[in-house]
Protein backbone atom coordinates (compact mmCIF):
# COMPACT_ATOMS: atom_id res chain seq x y z
CA MET A 1 92.39 136.02 107.75
CA THR A 2 95.86 134.67 107.13
CA GLU A 3 96.19 131.29 105.47
CA THR A 4 97.96 128.79 107.76
CA GLY A 5 98.07 125.88 105.35
CA ARG A 6 96.88 124.47 102.07
CA GLY A 7 96.73 121.06 100.51
CA ALA A 8 94.90 118.59 98.34
CA CYS A 9 94.10 114.96 97.74
CA LEU A 10 96.36 112.79 95.58
CA CYS A 11 94.65 113.70 92.29
CA GLY A 12 93.97 117.36 93.19
CA ALA A 13 90.19 117.09 92.76
CA VAL A 14 89.67 118.27 96.37
CA ARG A 15 91.76 121.17 97.62
CA PHE A 16 91.63 123.05 100.90
CA SER A 17 93.01 126.04 102.78
CA THR A 18 93.20 126.49 106.55
CA PHE A 19 93.06 129.87 108.28
CA GLY A 20 93.27 129.02 111.97
CA LYS A 21 95.86 127.66 114.33
CA LEU A 22 96.71 124.06 113.51
CA ARG A 23 97.10 121.60 116.38
CA ALA A 24 100.25 119.48 116.55
CA VAL A 25 99.90 116.18 114.71
CA SER A 26 98.47 113.08 116.37
CA ALA A 27 98.97 109.64 114.86
CA CYS A 28 95.91 107.45 115.36
CA HIS A 29 96.50 103.69 115.48
CA CYS A 30 92.85 102.60 115.90
CA SER A 31 91.61 99.79 113.68
CA GLN A 32 89.30 102.09 111.68
CA CYS A 33 92.12 104.51 110.79
CA ARG A 34 94.43 101.61 109.96
CA LYS A 35 91.82 99.98 107.72
CA GLN A 36 90.96 103.17 105.87
CA SER A 37 94.51 104.47 105.46
CA GLY A 38 96.44 101.22 105.19
CA HIS A 39 98.58 101.96 108.27
CA PHE A 40 98.00 104.63 110.93
CA TRP A 41 96.52 108.05 110.20
CA ALA A 42 98.32 111.28 111.11
CA ALA A 43 96.26 114.44 111.39
CA THR A 44 96.11 117.95 112.72
CA ASP A 45 92.90 119.84 113.40
CA VAL A 46 91.46 123.29 112.96
CA LEU A 47 88.17 124.97 113.80
CA GLU A 48 85.69 123.84 111.15
CA ASN A 49 84.85 127.43 110.19
CA GLU A 50 88.59 128.03 109.54
CA LEU A 51 88.76 125.31 106.88
CA GLU A 52 87.88 126.29 103.32
CA LEU A 53 87.19 123.45 100.90
CA HIS A 54 87.64 124.02 97.18
CA ASP A 55 85.82 121.67 94.78
CA ALA A 56 83.94 120.15 97.73
CA ASP A 57 81.54 118.44 95.30
CA ASN A 58 84.39 115.92 94.78
CA LEU A 59 84.38 115.13 98.52
CA SER A 60 82.38 112.19 99.86
CA TRP A 61 81.61 111.44 103.51
CA TYR A 62 81.48 108.04 105.18
CA VAL A 63 79.88 107.63 108.61
CA SER A 64 82.28 105.18 110.26
CA THR A 65 80.55 105.28 113.66
CA PRO A 66 77.38 107.21 114.60
CA GLY A 67 78.44 110.82 115.24
CA TYR A 68 81.75 110.46 113.38
CA ARG A 69 82.45 110.76 109.68
CA ARG A 70 85.44 110.57 107.35
CA GLY A 71 85.81 112.75 104.24
CA PHE A 72 87.58 111.41 101.17
CA CYS A 73 88.03 112.24 97.50
CA LYS A 74 85.46 110.58 95.21
CA THR A 75 88.06 110.27 92.45
CA CYS A 76 91.28 109.00 94.05
CA GLY A 77 89.99 107.85 97.47
CA SER A 78 92.42 109.97 99.53
CA LEU A 79 91.30 110.27 103.15
CA LEU A 80 91.38 113.99 103.93
CA LEU A 81 89.09 114.74 106.87
CA TRP A 82 87.70 113.27 110.08
CA LYS A 83 84.84 114.94 111.94
CA CYS A 84 83.23 114.36 115.33
CA GLU A 85 79.80 115.96 114.99
CA ALA A 86 79.85 117.11 118.64
CA SER A 87 83.02 119.18 118.08
CA ASP A 88 83.60 122.54 116.40
CA LYS A 89 86.95 121.22 115.11
CA ILE A 90 87.76 119.06 112.10
CA SER A 91 90.81 116.84 111.65
CA VAL A 92 92.81 117.24 108.46
CA SER A 93 95.28 114.68 107.11
CA ALA A 94 98.81 115.89 107.85
CA GLY A 95 100.08 114.21 104.69
CA SER A 96 97.72 116.19 102.47
CA PHE A 97 99.32 119.58 103.29
CA GLU A 98 101.78 121.22 100.91
CA SER A 99 105.30 121.54 102.30
CA PRO A 100 106.67 123.16 104.29
CA THR A 101 104.00 122.55 106.94
CA ALA A 102 105.76 123.49 110.20
CA LEU A 103 103.70 120.67 111.75
CA LYS A 104 105.23 118.39 114.38
CA LEU A 105 104.13 114.94 115.56
CA GLU A 106 103.07 115.31 119.21
CA THR A 107 101.22 112.12 120.18
CA HIS A 108 100.35 108.57 119.21
CA ILE A 109 96.77 107.67 120.17
CA TYR A 110 94.86 104.37 120.39
CA CYS A 111 98.15 102.51 120.69
CA ALA A 112 96.39 99.60 122.42
CA ASP A 113 94.76 98.94 119.03
CA LYS A 114 97.87 99.34 116.85
CA GLY A 115 98.84 96.75 114.27
CA ASP A 116 101.03 93.86 115.37
CA TYR A 117 103.41 94.32 112.44
CA TYR A 118 105.17 97.48 113.66
CA GLU A 119 106.61 99.13 116.75
CA ILE A 120 106.30 102.77 117.81
CA SER A 121 109.83 103.79 118.75
CA ASP A 122 110.16 107.48 117.88
CA GLY A 123 110.05 108.73 121.49
CA VAL A 124 106.79 110.64 120.97
CA PRO A 125 104.27 110.16 123.85
CA GLN A 126 101.90 107.20 123.42
CA PHE A 127 98.37 106.81 124.77
CA GLU A 128 96.49 103.52 124.95
CA GLN A 129 93.26 105.30 124.01
CA GLY A 130 92.75 108.97 123.15
CA CYS A 131 94.91 111.81 124.42
CA LYS A 132 95.34 112.62 128.10
């Protein structure tokens, strides 16, 4: 399979490669993403079996809501992954990919929950909850 992307956490303790088609980037403005990332979280996704983790023993998972978990580096705390257990896809932090990514921001989701300290004014479609 052809590699479609690669990246790592801030310290490099967790690295990954993707081999499938990457979805356009969605920016999530929900309170959980804002609290964990410090602002909003931008991610793409790929089929879980098309994501290869290197040094996965440095990855820790946090169950933020039953059925949903967030993967982060044990060393530097970088949020890398988000997984809905009912889906065969896994979200990967857009900012963790090496450049050039060829990724494009396509949507803003959970805008009804966004922080009151910023405006979304980039012209990208906004959804009060999830997409569509």
